[in-house]
Protein backbone atom coordinates (compact mmCIF):
# COMPACT_ATOMS: atom_id res chain seq x y z
CA MET A 1 6.33 -61.72 105.81
CA SER A 2 8.58 -62.37 107.66
CA GLU A 3 9.04 -65.73 109.30
CA ASN A 4 9.20 -64.58 112.51
CA GLU A 5 5.73 -62.78 112.14
CA ARG A 6 4.49 -65.36 110.39
CA TRP A 7 5.21 -67.20 113.83
CA LEU A 8 3.35 -65.10 115.73
CA LEU A 9 0.18 -65.65 114.04
CA SER A 10 0.61 -69.24 114.25
CA TYR A 11 0.83 -68.45 117.97
CA TYR A 12 -1.82 -65.96 118.21
CA ARG A 13 -3.94 -68.74 116.01
CA ALA A 14 -2.14 -71.75 118.62
CA SER A 15 -3.50 -69.37 121.72
CA GLU A 16 -7.48 -69.12 120.68
CA ILE A 17 -7.46 -72.86 119.48
CA ASN A 18 -6.25 -74.26 123.34
CA GLY A 19 -8.67 -71.33 124.48
CA ALA A 20 -10.98 -73.28 122.78
CA LEU A 21 -10.46 -76.65 123.64
CA PHE A 22 -9.76 -75.91 127.54
CA PHE A 23 -13.47 -74.22 127.72
CA GLY A 24 -14.93 -76.92 125.78
CA ARG A 25 -13.13 -79.27 128.66
CA VAL A 26 -14.88 -77.13 131.73
CA ALA A 27 -18.30 -77.36 129.58
CA ARG A 28 -18.16 -80.79 130.40
CA THR A 29 -18.03 -80.39 134.09
CA VAL A 30 -20.63 -77.53 134.59
CA ARG A 31 -23.86 -77.47 134.98
CA GLY A 32 -26.99 -74.66 134.85
CA PRO A 33 -26.45 -71.39 134.20
CA LEU A 34 -22.39 -71.60 133.67
CA LEU A 35 -22.60 -73.83 131.54
CA VAL A 36 -24.48 -71.49 128.79
CA ASP A 37 -21.96 -68.32 129.39
CA VAL A 38 -19.15 -71.81 129.31
CA THR A 39 -20.20 -72.60 125.79
CA HIS A 40 -20.30 -69.17 124.94
CA HIS A 41 -17.00 -68.32 125.50
CA PHE A 42 -15.58 -71.46 123.36
CA THR A 43 -17.96 -70.72 120.37
CA ASP A 44 -15.39 -66.82 121.00
CA GLU A 45 -12.53 -69.12 120.82
CA ALA A 46 -13.46 -71.46 118.34
CA ASN A 47 -13.93 -68.38 115.60
CA HIS A 48 -10.63 -66.53 117.04
CA ALA A 49 -8.88 -68.82 116.01
CA ASN A 50 -10.87 -69.58 112.16
CA TYR A 51 -10.03 -65.98 111.92
CA TRP A 52 -6.20 -66.20 112.25
CA THR A 53 -6.23 -69.34 110.61
CA LYS A 54 -8.51 -67.56 107.14
CA CYS A 55 -5.57 -64.33 107.99
CA LEU A 56 -3.08 -66.64 107.11
CA ASP A 57 -4.77 -69.20 104.26
CA ASP A 58 -5.43 -65.48 102.56
CA MET A 59 -1.55 -64.35 102.29
CA ASP A 60 -1.15 -67.95 101.72
CA LEU A 61 1.04 -69.56 104.20
CA THR A 62 0.47 -72.31 106.27
CA PRO A 63 0.30 -72.03 110.45
CA VAL A 64 3.46 -72.85 112.54
CA LEU A 65 2.57 -76.41 113.38
CA ARG A 66 4.90 -76.08 116.76
CA THR A 67 5.04 -72.50 118.64
CA ALA A 68 5.97 -72.05 122.52
CA PRO A 69 3.34 -73.30 124.89
CA THR A 70 0.23 -70.76 125.29
CA ARG A 71 -0.97 -69.90 128.72
CA THR A 72 -4.47 -71.73 127.18
CA SER A 73 -2.00 -74.43 126.73
CA ILE A 74 -0.81 -74.48 129.79
CA TRP A 75 -4.08 -74.46 131.45
CA ARG A 76 -6.10 -76.67 129.96
CA ARG A 77 -3.58 -79.44 130.15
CA SER A 78 -3.66 -78.71 134.11
CA ALA A 79 -7.89 -78.41 133.97
CA CYS A 80 -9.78 -81.30 135.96
CA ARG A 81 -6.52 -83.25 136.41
CA PRO A 82 -6.85 -85.83 139.15
CA THR A 83 -4.22 -84.59 142.43
CA SER A 84 -3.91 -87.99 143.19
CA TRP A 85 -4.67 -91.99 142.55
CA ARG A 86 -7.52 -91.61 144.19
CA SER A 87 -9.23 -88.99 142.67
CA TRP A 88 -8.37 -90.25 139.81
CA ARG A 89 -9.84 -93.46 140.89
CA SER A 90 -12.93 -91.97 142.27
CA ARG A 91 -13.74 -90.16 138.79
CA ARG A 92 -12.94 -92.89 136.99
CA SER A 93 -14.67 -95.33 138.53
CA SER A 94 -18.36 -93.36 138.84
CA ARG A 95 -17.81 -92.17 134.83
CA SER A 96 -17.94 -96.23 134.15
CA GLY A 97 -21.26 -97.10 136.29
């Protein structure tokens, strides 16, 4: 397998990992029936990451740890990010009480 193909499989793996992290973060903020759906999606993403990891391992390849930013890594970084210092402080103080 070429290095480019290994990179591509690693990119798919990273996308799924970041998707799982994103939906895990979302799952901490939702309630009610939506929580079941979000948690299910989190599980799907984590399982897909596992499949790509096993695929690489079956070919005796280690994943490339640094790939281009994935769409889901960008979503994950921006999820629940405060838009101002005031919103950050109010969210932080509500957690500590």
